[in-house]
PDB file of N, CA and C in Angstrom:
ATOM      1  N   MET A   1     -49.846  22.094 -29.841  1.00  0.00           N
ATOM      2  CA  MET A   1     -49.396  20.855 -28.647  1.00  0.00           C
ATOM      3  C   MET A   1     -50.318  19.819 -28.546  1.00  0.00           C
ATOM      4  N   SER A   2     -49.255  18.982 -28.912  1.00  0.00           N
ATOM      5  CA  SER A   2     -49.234  17.147 -28.730  1.00  0.00           C
ATOM      6  C   SER A   2     -50.402  16.478 -27.790  1.00  0.00           C
ATOM      7  N   LYS A   3     -50.452  15.814 -27.897  1.00  0.00           N
ATOM      8  CA  LYS A   3     -51.329  14.592 -26.356  1.00  0.00           C
ATOM      9  C   LYS A   3     -50.353  13.430 -26.034  1.00  0.00           C
ATOM     10  N   ASP A   4     -50.489  13.653 -24.938  1.00  0.00           N
ATOM     11  CA  ASP A   4     -49.627  12.212 -24.072  1.00  0.00           C
ATOM     12  C   ASP A   4     -50.336  11.494 -23.842  1.00  0.00           C
ATOM     13  N   TYR A   5     -49.832   9.862 -24.465  1.00  0.00           N
ATOM     14  CA  TYR A   5     -50.863   9.456 -24.484  1.00  0.00           C
ATOM     15  C   TYR A   5     -50.764   8.584 -23.343  1.00  0.00           C
ATOM     16  N   GLY A   6     -49.568   8.894 -22.153  1.00  0.00           N
ATOM     17  CA  GLY A   6     -49.143   7.979 -21.163  1.00  0.00           C
ATOM     18  C   GLY A   6     -48.445   6.410 -21.693  1.00  0.00           C
ATOM     19  N   GLN A   7     -47.801   6.386 -23.068  1.00  0.00           N
ATOM     20  CA  GLN A   7     -47.403   5.404 -23.435  1.00  0.00           C
ATOM     21  C   GLN A   7     -46.256   5.016 -23.898  1.00  0.00           C
ATOM     22  N   PHE A   8     -45.287   4.340 -24.109  1.00  0.00           N
ATOM     23  CA  PHE A   8     -43.764   4.900 -23.998  1.00  0.00           C
ATOM     24  C   PHE A   8     -43.765   4.447 -25.484  1.00  0.00           C
ATOM     25  N   CYS A   9     -44.181   3.283 -26.911  1.00  0.00           N
ATOM     26  CA  CYS A   9     -43.652   2.532 -27.969  1.00  0.00           C
ATOM     27  C   CYS A   9     -43.632   3.887 -29.085  1.00  0.00           C
ATOM     28  N   GLY A  10     -42.954   3.263 -29.736  1.00  0.00           N
ATOM     29  CA  GLY A  10     -43.099   4.053 -30.891  1.00  0.00           C
ATOM     30  C   GLY A  10     -44.419   4.020 -31.384  1.00  0.00           C
ATOM     31  N   LEU A  11     -44.896   3.499 -31.546  1.00  0.00           N
ATOM     32  CA  LEU A  11     -46.629   4.057 -31.922  1.00  0.00           C
ATOM     33  C   LEU A  11     -47.501   5.295 -31.188  1.00  0.00           C
ATOM     34  N   SER A  12     -47.152   5.606 -30.021  1.00  0.00           N
ATOM     35  CA  SER A  12     -48.255   6.880 -29.912  1.00  0.00           C
ATOM     36  C   SER A  12     -47.266   8.117 -29.838  1.00  0.00           C
ATOM     37  N   ARG A  13     -46.270   8.119 -30.113  1.00  0.00           N
ATOM     38  CA  ARG A  13     -45.180   8.548 -30.441  1.00  0.00           C
ATOM     39  C   ARG A  13     -45.380   9.224 -31.485  1.00  0.00           C
ATOM     40  N   ALA A  14     -45.468   8.337 -32.853  1.00  0.00           N
ATOM     41  CA  ALA A  14     -45.779   8.656 -34.684  1.00  0.00           C
ATOM     42  C   ALA A  14     -47.472   9.790 -33.941  1.00  0.00           C
ATOM     43  N   ALA A  15     -47.918   9.613 -33.091  1.00  0.00           N
ATOM     44  CA  ALA A  15     -50.254   9.771 -32.831  1.00  0.00           C
ATOM     45  C   ALA A  15     -49.543  11.195 -32.434  1.00  0.00           C
ATOM     46  N   ALA A  16     -48.466  11.350 -31.988  1.00  0.00           N
ATOM     47  CA  ALA A  16     -48.351  12.388 -31.468  1.00  0.00           C
ATOM     48  C   ALA A  16     -47.828  12.584 -31.798  1.00  0.00           C
ATOM     49  N   VAL A  17     -46.988  12.826 -31.921  1.00  0.00           N
ATOM     50  CA  VAL A  17     -45.753  14.059 -34.118  1.00  0.00           C
ATOM     51  C   VAL A  17     -47.564  14.099 -34.868  1.00  0.00           C
ATOM     52  N   LEU A  18     -47.307  13.302 -35.345  1.00  0.00           N
ATOM     53  CA  LEU A  18     -49.031  13.277 -36.794  1.00  0.00           C
ATOM     54  C   LEU A  18     -49.967  13.867 -35.917  1.00  0.00           C
ATOM     55  N   GLY A  19     -50.637  14.098 -34.965  1.00  0.00           N
ATOM     56  CA  GLY A  19     -51.512  14.700 -34.313  1.00  0.00           C
ATOM     57  C   GLY A  19     -50.988  16.103 -34.811  1.00  0.00           C
ATOM     58  N   GLU A  20     -50.017  16.977 -35.582  1.00  0.00           N
ATOM     59  CA  GLU A  20     -49.932  18.439 -35.526  1.00  0.00           C
ATOM     60  C   GLU A  20     -50.770  18.980 -36.162  1.00  0.00           C
ATOM     61  N   ARG A  21     -51.026  20.080 -36.344  1.00  0.00           N
ATOM     62  CA  ARG A  21     -51.828  20.802 -37.785  1.00  0.00           C
ATOM     63  C   ARG A  21     -51.079  20.433 -38.820  1.00  0.00           C
ATOM     64  N   TRP A  22     -50.377  20.544 -38.739  1.00  0.00           N
ATOM     65  CA  TRP A  22     -49.684  20.713 -40.070  1.00  0.00           C
ATOM     66  C   TRP A  22     -49.076  19.039 -40.740  1.00  0.00           C
ATOM     67  N   ALA A  23     -48.576  18.689 -40.242  1.00  0.00           N
ATOM     68  CA  ALA A  23     -47.367  17.509 -40.087  1.00  0.00           C
ATOM     69  C   ALA A  23     -48.295  16.218 -41.078  1.00  0.00           C
ATOM     70  N   LEU A  24     -49.597  16.156 -41.183  1.00  0.00           N
ATOM     71  CA  LEU A  24     -50.215  15.193 -42.213  1.00  0.00           C
ATOM     72  C   LEU A  24     -49.857  16.005 -42.995  1.00  0.00           C
ATOM     73  N   MET A  25     -50.363  17.160 -43.696  1.00  0.00           N
ATOM     74  CA  MET A  25     -50.546  17.166 -44.600  1.00  0.00           C
ATOM     75  C   MET A  25     -48.693  17.517 -44.576  1.00  0.00           C
ATOM     76  N   ILE A  26     -48.048  17.727 -44.597  1.00  0.00           N
ATOM     77  CA  ILE A  26     -45.735  17.746 -45.127  1.00  0.00           C
ATOM     78  C   ILE A  26     -46.003  16.541 -45.187  1.00  0.00           C
ATOM     79  N   VAL A  27     -46.578  15.042 -44.501  1.00  0.00           N
ATOM     80  CA  VAL A  27     -45.573  14.375 -45.176  1.00  0.00           C
ATOM     81  C   VAL A  27     -46.493  14.015 -46.455  1.00  0.00           C
ATOM     82  N   ARG A  28     -48.363  13.607 -47.100  1.00  0.00           N
ATOM     83  CA  ARG A  28     -48.663  13.691 -47.892  1.00  0.00           C
ATOM     84  C   ARG A  28     -47.792  14.079 -48.644  1.00  0.00           C
ATOM     85  N   ASP A  29     -47.046  15.212 -48.605  1.00  0.00           N
ATOM     86  CA  ASP A  29     -47.117  16.153 -50.349  1.00  0.00           C
ATOM     87  C   ASP A  29     -45.357  15.147 -49.733  1.00  0.00           C
ATOM     88  N   LEU A  30     -44.814  14.485 -48.723  1.00  0.00           N
ATOM     89  CA  LEU A  30     -43.581  14.573 -49.005  1.00  0.00           C
ATOM     90  C   LEU A  30     -43.404  12.944 -49.236  1.00  0.00           C
ATOM     91  N   THR A  31     -44.396  12.177 -49.539  1.00  0.00           N
ATOM     92  CA  THR A  31     -44.569  11.027 -50.181  1.00  0.00           C
ATOM     93  C   THR A  31     -43.956  11.049 -51.663  1.00  0.00           C
ATOM     94  N   VAL A  32     -44.569  11.815 -51.783  1.00  0.00           N
ATOM     95  CA  VAL A  32     -44.445  12.234 -53.559  1.00  0.00           C
ATOM     96  C   VAL A  32     -42.901  11.855 -53.997  1.00  0.00           C
ATOM     97  N   GLY A  33     -42.501  12.725 -53.273  1.00  0.00           N
ATOM     98  CA  GLY A  33     -40.784  12.749 -53.277  1.00  0.00           C
ATOM     99  C   GLY A  33     -40.268  13.874 -52.552  1.00  0.00           C
ATOM    100  N   PRO A  34     -39.134  13.873 -52.725  1.00  0.00           N
ATOM    101  CA  PRO A  34     -37.935  15.607 -52.082  1.00  0.00           C
ATOM    102  C   PRO A  34     -38.132  16.283 -52.352  1.00  0.00           C
ATOM    103  N   ARG A  35     -38.637  17.229 -50.658  1.00  0.00           N
ATOM    104  CA  ARG A  35     -39.393  18.756 -51.587  1.00  0.00           C
ATOM    105  C   ARG A  35     -38.120  18.925 -50.773  1.00  0.00           C
ATOM    106  N   ARG A  36     -38.294  21.178 -50.899  1.00  0.00           N
ATOM    107  CA  ARG A  36     -37.648  21.751 -50.844  1.00  0.00           C
ATOM    108  C   ARG A  36     -38.904  22.202 -49.749  1.00  0.00           C
ATOM    109  N   PHE A  37     -38.060  23.071 -48.816  1.00  0.00           N
ATOM    110  CA  PHE A  37     -39.055  23.929 -47.645  1.00  0.00           C
ATOM    111  C   PHE A  37     -39.904  24.404 -48.426  1.00  0.00           C
ATOM    112  N   THR A  38     -39.690  26.000 -49.685  1.00  0.00           N
ATOM    113  CA  THR A  38     -40.034  26.441 -50.754  1.00  0.00           C
ATOM    114  C   THR A  38     -40.775  25.467 -51.359  1.00  0.00           C
ATOM    115  N   ASP A  39     -40.744  24.459 -51.412  1.00  0.00           N
ATOM    116  CA  ASP A  39     -41.777  24.140 -51.737  1.00  0.00           C
ATOM    117  C   ASP A  39     -43.475  23.867 -51.652  1.00  0.00           C
ATOM    118  N   LEU A  40     -42.990  23.014 -50.006  1.00  0.00           N
ATOM    119  CA  LEU A  40     -43.775  22.493 -49.091  1.00  0.00           C
ATOM    120  C   LEU A  40     -45.406  23.758 -48.908  1.00  0.00           C
ATOM    121  N   GLN A  41     -43.789  25.086 -48.289  1.00  0.00           N
ATOM    122  CA  GLN A  41     -44.214  26.242 -48.115  1.00  0.00           C
ATOM    123  C   GLN A  41     -45.236  26.930 -49.155  1.00  0.00           C
ATOM    124  N   ALA A  42     -44.608  25.990 -50.822  1.00  0.00           N
ATOM    125  CA  ALA A  42     -45.946  26.804 -52.036  1.00  0.00           C
ATOM    126  C   ALA A  42     -47.468  25.897 -52.084  1.00  0.00           C
ATOM    127  N   GLY A  43     -46.962  24.423 -51.666  1.00  0.00           N
ATOM    128  CA  GLY A  43     -48.038  23.349 -51.458  1.00  0.00           C
ATOM    129  C   GLY A  43     -49.126  23.697 -50.824  1.00  0.00           C
ATOM    130  N   LEU A  44     -48.420  24.320 -49.672  1.00  0.00           N
ATOM    131  CA  LEU A  44     -49.753  24.668 -48.420  1.00  0.00           C
ATOM    132  C   LEU A  44     -49.873  26.092 -48.289  1.00  0.00           C
ATOM    133  N   PRO A  45     -49.917  26.829 -48.136  1.00  0.00           N
ATOM    134  CA  PRO A  45     -51.076  28.628 -47.733  1.00  0.00           C
ATOM    135  C   PRO A  45     -50.599  28.110 -47.020  1.00  0.00           C
ATOM    136  N   GLY A  46     -50.630  28.934 -46.170  1.00  0.00           N
ATOM    137  CA  GLY A  46     -51.489  29.214 -44.578  1.00  0.00           C
ATOM    138  C   GLY A  46     -50.075  28.757 -43.705  1.00  0.00           C
ATOM    139  N   ILE A  47     -49.541  27.777 -43.688  1.00  0.00           N
ATOM    140  CA  ILE A  47     -48.117  27.137 -43.471  1.00  0.00           C
ATOM    141  C   ILE A  47     -47.715  28.525 -42.674  1.00  0.00           C
ATOM    142  N   PRO A  48     -47.115  28.203 -41.426  1.00  0.00           N
ATOM    143  CA  PRO A  48     -46.539  29.846 -40.561  1.00  0.00           C
ATOM    144  C   PRO A  48     -45.486  29.064 -41.114  1.00  0.00           C
ATOM    145  N   THR A  49     -44.202  29.811 -41.446  1.00  0.00           N
ATOM    146  CA  THR A  49     -42.544  29.521 -41.149  1.00  0.00           C
ATOM    147  C   THR A  49     -41.961  29.824 -40.347  1.00  0.00           C
ATOM    148  N   ALA A  50     -42.045  29.936 -39.125  1.00  0.00           N
ATOM    149  CA  ALA A  50     -41.621  29.762 -37.914  1.00  0.00           C
ATOM    150  C   ALA A  50     -42.250  29.374 -36.957  1.00  0.00           C
TER     151      ALA A  50
END
């Protein structure tokens, strides 16, 4: 569940989204370049698929 900071700006929305459990690790992997879901899944064992 994401937090609601009571703010309505892009930064607060980004903090709410990036605060999710797997989001930062996915973003980290995507900074290297384009990845398919299966690439992300292989690189992040334990990530939920649903």
